Amino acid sequence: MRLLSATLVCVAVALMTACGPSQVEKEAVLRVLQMREQAMNTRNINLYLMIISPAYSDKGKDRAQLQDGLEAGFKIYDSVRYQAGEQKLQIKGKQAEVTGTYRMKVVIRGKEMVLDGKEHLVLAKEPDGWKIIAGL
């Protein structure tokens, strides 16, 4: 009886830990989001592209088109200040979704614009880590 109880406890613990994402995975996804924020705020296109999957596709835009848009935007901004607000993270296997709010202040030719919005990012776990595959 004791052996059966111990076995059931082990199985229950194994199932609970296997069902949800690990803290390590959550932290890895959050690091991608932090890198994105840093890349935007420093207008560092190379850092930004490190976290974008080669398979990126969103609303008919692929990675090359995303890169072109980022490069154009980074050139015309005098400064960028992106700050994520509340974020909700869900990980299911090798895919993660992040929904949340943000505030972005950009200065273009001396004029400041403030953009408040919502975003929904989709990430995939690739051989070299988590990458954004949609949502930008």
N, C-alpha and C. Protein backbone atom coordinates (compact mmCIF):
# COMPACT_ATOMS: atom_id res chain seq x y z
N MET A 1 0.82 -1.19 0.00
CA MET A 1 0.00 0.00 0.00
C MET A 1 0.87 1.26 0.00
N ARG A 2 1.92 1.24 0.84
CA ARG A 2 2.80 2.41 0.89
C ARG A 2 3.49 2.62 -0.45
N LEU A 3 3.88 1.55 -1.09
CA LEU A 3 4.52 1.63 -2.39
C LEU A 3 3.57 2.22 -3.43
N LEU A 4 2.31 1.82 -3.38
CA LEU A 4 1.31 2.35 -4.30
C LEU A 4 1.10 3.85 -4.06
N SER A 5 1.02 4.25 -2.80
CA SER A 5 0.85 5.67 -2.46
C SER A 5 2.04 6.49 -2.93
N ALA A 6 3.23 5.97 -2.68
CA ALA A 6 4.44 6.68 -3.11
C ALA A 6 4.49 6.79 -4.63
N THR A 7 4.10 5.73 -5.31
CA THR A 7 4.09 5.74 -6.77
C THR A 7 3.08 6.76 -7.30
N LEU A 8 1.90 6.80 -6.70
CA LEU A 8 0.88 7.77 -7.11
C LEU A 8 1.35 9.21 -6.89
N VAL A 9 2.00 9.47 -5.78
CA VAL A 9 2.53 10.81 -5.52
C VAL A 9 3.57 11.18 -6.57
N CYS A 10 4.46 10.25 -6.89
CA CYS A 10 5.48 10.51 -7.92
C CYS A 10 4.86 10.80 -9.27
N VAL A 11 3.85 10.02 -9.63
CA VAL A 11 3.16 10.22 -10.91
C VAL A 11 2.47 11.58 -10.92
N ALA A 12 1.81 11.92 -9.84
CA ALA A 12 1.11 13.21 -9.77
C ALA A 12 2.09 14.37 -9.89
N VAL A 13 3.21 14.30 -9.20
CA VAL A 13 4.23 15.35 -9.29
C VAL A 13 4.77 15.44 -10.71
N ALA A 14 5.04 14.31 -11.31
CA ALA A 14 5.56 14.29 -12.69
C ALA A 14 4.56 14.91 -13.65
N LEU A 15 3.30 14.60 -13.49
CA LEU A 15 2.28 15.17 -14.37
C LEU A 15 2.14 16.67 -14.17
N MET A 16 2.19 17.13 -12.94
CA MET A 16 2.06 18.56 -12.68
C MET A 16 3.23 19.33 -13.27
N THR A 17 4.42 18.81 -13.14
CA THR A 17 5.57 19.53 -13.66
C THR A 17 5.65 19.44 -15.16
N ALA A 18 5.12 18.38 -15.75
CA ALA A 18 5.17 18.22 -17.20
C ALA A 18 4.09 19.04 -17.89
N CYS A 19 3.01 19.35 -17.19
CA CYS A 19 1.89 20.05 -17.81
C CYS A 19 2.20 21.51 -18.11
N GLY A 20 2.87 22.18 -17.23
CA GLY A 20 3.12 23.60 -17.41
C GLY A 20 4.54 23.87 -17.83
N PRO A 21 4.76 25.06 -18.39
CA PRO A 21 6.11 25.42 -18.79
C PRO A 21 7.01 25.63 -17.57
N SER A 22 8.26 25.35 -17.75
CA SER A 22 9.21 25.53 -16.65
C SER A 22 9.53 27.01 -16.47
N GLN A 23 10.02 27.32 -15.31
CA GLN A 23 10.44 28.70 -15.03
C GLN A 23 11.57 29.10 -15.97
N VAL A 24 12.43 28.16 -16.32
CA VAL A 24 13.54 28.43 -17.24
C VAL A 24 13.00 28.86 -18.60
N GLU A 25 11.96 28.18 -19.09
CA GLU A 25 11.37 28.54 -20.38
C GLU A 25 10.72 29.92 -20.32
N LYS A 26 10.00 30.19 -19.24
CA LYS A 26 9.38 31.50 -19.08
C LYS A 26 10.43 32.61 -19.09
N GLU A 27 11.51 32.40 -18.35
CA GLU A 27 12.58 33.39 -18.29
C GLU A 27 13.24 33.57 -19.66
N ALA A 28 13.37 32.50 -20.42
CA ALA A 28 13.97 32.60 -21.76
C ALA A 28 13.10 33.45 -22.68
N VAL A 29 11.79 33.26 -22.62
CA VAL A 29 10.88 34.08 -23.44
C VAL A 29 10.95 35.54 -22.98
N LEU A 30 10.96 35.77 -21.69
CA LEU A 30 11.02 37.14 -21.17
C LEU A 30 12.33 37.84 -21.56
N ARG A 31 13.42 37.07 -21.66
CA ARG A 31 14.69 37.65 -22.12
C ARG A 31 14.58 38.13 -23.56
N VAL A 32 13.85 37.39 -24.39
CA VAL A 32 13.63 37.81 -25.78
C VAL A 32 12.90 39.15 -25.79
N LEU A 33 11.90 39.28 -24.95
CA LEU A 33 11.14 40.54 -24.89
C LEU A 33 12.01 41.69 -24.39
N GLN A 34 12.89 41.40 -23.45
CA GLN A 34 13.80 42.43 -22.95
C GLN A 34 14.79 42.84 -24.03
N MET A 35 15.28 41.87 -24.80
CA MET A 35 16.20 42.19 -25.90
C MET A 35 15.49 43.06 -26.94
N ARG A 36 14.24 42.76 -27.20
CA ARG A 36 13.47 43.56 -28.15
C ARG A 36 13.35 45.00 -27.66
N GLU A 37 13.04 45.16 -26.39
CA GLU A 37 12.92 46.50 -25.82
C GLU A 37 14.26 47.25 -25.92
N GLN A 38 15.34 46.56 -25.59
CA GLN A 38 16.66 47.18 -25.68
C GLN A 38 16.99 47.55 -27.13
N ALA A 39 16.70 46.65 -28.05
CA ALA A 39 16.99 46.91 -29.46
C ALA A 39 16.21 48.11 -29.98
N MET A 40 14.95 48.20 -29.58
CA MET A 40 14.14 49.34 -30.02
C MET A 40 14.68 50.65 -29.44
N ASN A 41 14.97 50.63 -28.15
CA ASN A 41 15.39 51.86 -27.48
C ASN A 41 16.76 52.35 -27.93
N THR A 42 17.59 51.43 -28.41
CA THR A 42 18.92 51.82 -28.91
C THR A 42 18.96 51.87 -30.43
N ARG A 43 17.83 51.53 -31.06
CA ARG A 43 17.72 51.48 -32.52
C ARG A 43 18.80 50.57 -33.12
N ASN A 44 18.98 49.42 -32.48
CA ASN A 44 20.00 48.46 -32.89
C ASN A 44 19.35 47.37 -33.73
N ILE A 45 19.42 47.53 -35.03
CA ILE A 45 18.75 46.60 -35.94
C ILE A 45 19.32 45.18 -35.83
N ASN A 46 20.62 45.06 -35.64
CA ASN A 46 21.23 43.72 -35.54
C ASN A 46 20.74 42.97 -34.31
N LEU A 47 20.64 43.66 -33.18
CA LEU A 47 20.12 43.04 -31.97
C LEU A 47 18.67 42.65 -32.17
N TYR A 48 17.90 43.51 -32.80
CA TYR A 48 16.49 43.22 -33.05
C TYR A 48 16.34 41.97 -33.92
N LEU A 49 17.12 41.88 -34.96
CA LEU A 49 16.99 40.75 -35.88
C LEU A 49 17.43 39.43 -35.26
N MET A 50 18.24 39.48 -34.21
CA MET A 50 18.66 38.25 -33.53
C MET A 50 17.48 37.50 -32.92
N ILE A 51 16.41 38.22 -32.60
CA ILE A 51 15.27 37.59 -31.94
C ILE A 51 14.10 37.35 -32.89
N ILE A 52 14.31 37.58 -34.17
CA ILE A 52 13.27 37.36 -35.17
C ILE A 52 13.58 36.08 -35.94
N SER A 53 12.62 35.21 -36.03
CA SER A 53 12.80 33.94 -36.73
C SER A 53 12.93 34.15 -38.23
N PRO A 54 13.76 33.34 -38.89
CA PRO A 54 13.79 33.37 -40.35
C PRO A 54 12.41 33.04 -40.94
N ALA A 55 11.59 32.32 -40.17
CA ALA A 55 10.25 31.93 -40.62
C ALA A 55 9.19 32.98 -40.27
N TYR A 56 9.61 34.17 -39.84
CA TYR A 56 8.65 35.21 -39.45
C TYR A 56 7.65 35.48 -40.57
N SER A 57 6.39 35.56 -40.20
CA SER A 57 5.33 35.89 -41.15
C SER A 57 4.14 36.44 -40.38
N ASP A 58 3.69 37.63 -40.76
CA ASP A 58 2.55 38.23 -40.09
C ASP A 58 1.86 39.20 -41.04
N LYS A 59 0.59 38.98 -41.25
CA LYS A 59 -0.23 39.85 -42.10
C LYS A 59 0.41 40.08 -43.46
N GLY A 60 0.92 39.02 -44.05
CA GLY A 60 1.52 39.10 -45.37
C GLY A 60 2.93 39.67 -45.40
N LYS A 61 3.50 39.93 -44.23
CA LYS A 61 4.84 40.51 -44.16
C LYS A 61 5.82 39.44 -43.69
N ASP A 62 6.91 39.27 -44.45
CA ASP A 62 7.92 38.29 -44.05
C ASP A 62 9.07 38.99 -43.33
N ARG A 63 10.09 38.24 -42.97
CA ARG A 63 11.21 38.79 -42.20
C ARG A 63 11.94 39.90 -42.95
N ALA A 64 12.15 39.74 -44.25
CA ALA A 64 12.85 40.77 -45.03
C ALA A 64 12.05 42.07 -45.06
N GLN A 65 10.74 41.97 -45.19
CA GLN A 65 9.91 43.17 -45.19
C GLN A 65 9.89 43.82 -43.80
N LEU A 66 9.87 43.00 -42.76
CA LEU A 66 9.95 43.53 -41.41
C LEU A 66 11.27 44.28 -41.22
N GLN A 67 12.36 43.68 -41.67
CA GLN A 67 13.66 44.32 -41.56
C GLN A 67 13.69 45.65 -42.30
N ASP A 68 13.16 45.70 -43.51
CA ASP A 68 13.13 46.95 -44.28
C ASP A 68 12.36 48.03 -43.52
N GLY A 69 11.23 47.66 -42.95
CA GLY A 69 10.43 48.63 -42.20
C GLY A 69 11.14 49.12 -40.95
N LEU A 70 11.81 48.22 -40.26
CA LEU A 70 12.56 48.61 -39.06
C LEU A 70 13.71 49.56 -39.41
N GLU A 71 14.45 49.20 -40.45
CA GLU A 71 15.57 50.05 -40.87
C GLU A 71 15.09 51.44 -41.25
N ALA A 72 14.01 51.53 -41.98
CA ALA A 72 13.47 52.83 -42.38
C ALA A 72 13.02 53.63 -41.15
N GLY A 73 12.32 52.96 -40.25
CA GLY A 73 11.86 53.63 -39.04
C GLY A 73 13.00 54.10 -38.16
N PHE A 74 13.98 53.25 -37.95
CA PHE A 74 15.11 53.61 -37.09
C PHE A 74 15.88 54.79 -37.67
N LYS A 75 15.91 54.93 -38.99
CA LYS A 75 16.62 56.05 -39.61
C LYS A 75 15.92 57.38 -39.41
N ILE A 76 14.58 57.37 -39.42
CA ILE A 76 13.89 58.66 -39.31
C ILE A 76 13.64 59.10 -37.87
N TYR A 77 13.73 58.17 -36.92
CA TYR A 77 13.51 58.54 -35.52
C TYR A 77 14.75 59.24 -34.97
N ASP A 78 14.51 60.38 -34.33
CA ASP A 78 15.59 61.01 -33.57
C ASP A 78 15.85 60.19 -32.31
N SER A 79 14.78 59.68 -31.73
CA SER A 79 14.90 58.81 -30.56
C SER A 79 13.65 57.95 -30.45
N VAL A 80 13.81 56.84 -29.74
CA VAL A 80 12.70 55.92 -29.49
C VAL A 80 12.75 55.54 -28.02
N ARG A 81 11.60 55.51 -27.41
CA ARG A 81 11.51 55.00 -26.04
C ARG A 81 10.31 54.07 -25.97
N TYR A 82 10.59 52.77 -26.02
CA TYR A 82 9.55 51.75 -25.96
C TYR A 82 9.53 51.19 -24.55
N GLN A 83 8.32 51.04 -24.00
CA GLN A 83 8.20 50.44 -22.68
C GLN A 83 6.98 49.53 -22.67
N ALA A 84 7.20 48.27 -22.36
CA ALA A 84 6.11 47.31 -22.25
C ALA A 84 5.35 47.57 -20.97
N GLY A 85 4.05 47.38 -21.04
CA GLY A 85 3.21 47.47 -19.85
C GLY A 85 2.97 46.08 -19.30
N GLU A 86 1.75 45.85 -18.86
CA GLU A 86 1.41 44.52 -18.36
C GLU A 86 1.46 43.52 -19.49
N GLN A 87 2.02 42.36 -19.21
CA GLN A 87 2.12 41.31 -20.22
C GLN A 87 1.63 39.99 -19.64
N LYS A 88 0.97 39.23 -20.50
CA LYS A 88 0.52 37.90 -20.13
C LYS A 88 1.24 36.91 -21.04
N LEU A 89 1.86 35.92 -20.45
CA LEU A 89 2.66 34.94 -21.19
C LEU A 89 2.02 33.56 -21.06
N GLN A 90 1.85 32.91 -22.21
CA GLN A 90 1.37 31.53 -22.24
C GLN A 90 2.33 30.72 -23.10
N ILE A 91 2.78 29.61 -22.56
CA ILE A 91 3.66 28.71 -23.30
C ILE A 91 2.96 27.36 -23.43
N LYS A 92 2.90 26.89 -24.68
CA LYS A 92 2.34 25.56 -24.95
C LYS A 92 3.34 24.84 -25.83
N GLY A 93 4.10 23.96 -25.21
CA GLY A 93 5.10 23.20 -25.96
C GLY A 93 6.19 24.13 -26.49
N LYS A 94 6.33 24.15 -27.81
CA LYS A 94 7.38 24.96 -28.44
C LYS A 94 6.85 26.26 -29.01
N GLN A 95 5.68 26.68 -28.53
CA GLN A 95 5.12 27.96 -28.96
C GLN A 95 4.71 28.78 -27.74
N ALA A 96 4.93 30.08 -27.83
CA ALA A 96 4.57 30.98 -26.75
C ALA A 96 3.80 32.17 -27.33
N GLU A 97 2.89 32.69 -26.52
CA GLU A 97 2.15 33.89 -26.91
C GLU A 97 2.25 34.89 -25.78
N VAL A 98 2.49 36.14 -26.18
CA VAL A 98 2.58 37.22 -25.21
C VAL A 98 1.59 38.29 -25.65
N THR A 99 0.68 38.63 -24.76
CA THR A 99 -0.25 39.72 -25.03
C THR A 99 -0.02 40.77 -23.96
N GLY A 100 -0.17 42.01 -24.36
CA GLY A 100 0.04 43.07 -23.39
C GLY A 100 -0.11 44.44 -23.99
N THR A 101 0.24 45.41 -23.20
CA THR A 101 0.17 46.80 -23.62
C THR A 101 1.58 47.38 -23.71
N TYR A 102 1.69 48.50 -24.38
CA TYR A 102 2.98 49.18 -24.48
C TYR A 102 2.76 50.68 -24.63
N ARG A 103 3.81 51.41 -24.39
CA ARG A 103 3.86 52.85 -24.68
C ARG A 103 5.16 53.08 -25.43
N MET A 104 5.05 53.77 -26.55
CA MET A 104 6.23 54.09 -27.32
C MET A 104 6.23 55.58 -27.61
N LYS A 105 7.34 56.21 -27.25
CA LYS A 105 7.53 57.62 -27.55
C LYS A 105 8.61 57.71 -28.61
N VAL A 106 8.27 58.36 -29.71
CA VAL A 106 9.25 58.55 -30.77
C VAL A 106 9.37 60.04 -31.04
N VAL A 107 10.57 60.45 -31.36
CA VAL A 107 10.82 61.83 -31.75
C VAL A 107 11.27 61.80 -33.21
N ILE A 108 10.52 62.52 -34.04
CA ILE A 108 10.84 62.63 -35.46
C ILE A 108 10.93 64.10 -35.81
N ARG A 109 12.11 64.50 -36.27
CA ARG A 109 12.38 65.91 -36.60
C ARG A 109 11.96 66.85 -35.47
N GLY A 110 12.31 66.45 -34.25
CA GLY A 110 12.06 67.30 -33.10
C GLY A 110 10.66 67.21 -32.52
N LYS A 111 9.75 66.49 -33.16
CA LYS A 111 8.38 66.36 -32.67
C LYS A 111 8.20 65.01 -32.00
N GLU A 112 7.67 65.05 -30.76
CA GLU A 112 7.44 63.82 -30.03
C GLU A 112 6.03 63.29 -30.28
N MET A 113 5.96 62.00 -30.51
CA MET A 113 4.67 61.32 -30.64
C MET A 113 4.63 60.21 -29.60
N VAL A 114 3.48 60.06 -28.96
CA VAL A 114 3.29 59.01 -27.97
C VAL A 114 2.25 58.04 -28.51
N LEU A 115 2.64 56.78 -28.56
CA LEU A 115 1.76 55.74 -29.07
C LEU A 115 1.49 54.74 -27.95
N ASP A 116 0.24 54.62 -27.56
CA ASP A 116 -0.15 53.60 -26.58
C ASP A 116 -0.90 52.53 -27.35
N GLY A 117 -0.57 51.28 -27.10
CA GLY A 117 -1.24 50.23 -27.85
C GLY A 117 -1.20 48.89 -27.16
N LYS A 118 -1.78 47.93 -27.88
CA LYS A 118 -1.79 46.54 -27.43
C LYS A 118 -1.05 45.73 -28.47
N GLU A 119 -0.40 44.66 -28.01
CA GLU A 119 0.31 43.80 -28.94
C GLU A 119 0.11 42.35 -28.57
N HIS A 120 0.25 41.52 -29.58
CA HIS A 120 0.13 40.08 -29.43
C HIS A 120 1.27 39.45 -30.21
N LEU A 121 2.26 38.96 -29.51
CA LEU A 121 3.44 38.37 -30.14
C LEU A 121 3.38 36.85 -30.04
N VAL A 122 3.83 36.20 -31.09
CA VAL A 122 3.91 34.74 -31.10
C VAL A 122 5.38 34.37 -31.27
N LEU A 123 5.84 33.48 -30.42
CA LEU A 123 7.23 33.03 -30.47
C LEU A 123 7.26 31.52 -30.64
N ALA A 124 8.34 31.04 -31.22
CA ALA A 124 8.55 29.60 -31.37
C ALA A 124 9.93 29.27 -30.81
N LYS A 125 10.02 28.10 -30.21
CA LYS A 125 11.32 27.65 -29.72
C LYS A 125 12.04 26.97 -30.87
N GLU A 126 13.11 27.58 -31.30
CA GLU A 126 13.91 27.08 -32.41
C GLU A 126 15.20 26.49 -31.85
N PRO A 127 16.00 25.81 -32.67
CA PRO A 127 17.23 25.18 -32.16
C PRO A 127 18.15 26.15 -31.40
N ASP A 128 18.16 27.43 -31.78
CA ASP A 128 19.02 28.39 -31.10
C ASP A 128 18.27 29.29 -30.11
N GLY A 129 17.07 28.88 -29.71
CA GLY A 129 16.34 29.61 -28.70
C GLY A 129 15.00 30.14 -29.19
N TRP A 130 14.32 30.88 -28.32
CA TRP A 130 13.02 31.45 -28.64
C TRP A 130 13.18 32.60 -29.63
N LYS A 131 12.30 32.63 -30.63
CA LYS A 131 12.32 33.68 -31.66
C LYS A 131 10.88 34.13 -31.91
N ILE A 132 10.74 35.38 -32.27
CA ILE A 132 9.41 35.93 -32.62
C ILE A 132 9.08 35.46 -34.04
N ILE A 133 7.88 34.87 -34.20
CA ILE A 133 7.48 34.39 -35.52
C ILE A 133 6.29 35.17 -36.09
N ALA A 134 5.63 35.98 -35.26
CA ALA A 134 4.49 36.78 -35.73
C ALA A 134 4.15 37.84 -34.70
N GLY A 135 3.43 38.86 -35.18
CA GLY A 135 2.88 39.83 -34.26
C GLY A 135 3.48 41.22 -34.27
N LEU A 136 4.47 41.48 -35.12
CA LEU A 136 5.08 42.81 -35.10
C LEU A 136 4.51 43.68 -36.19
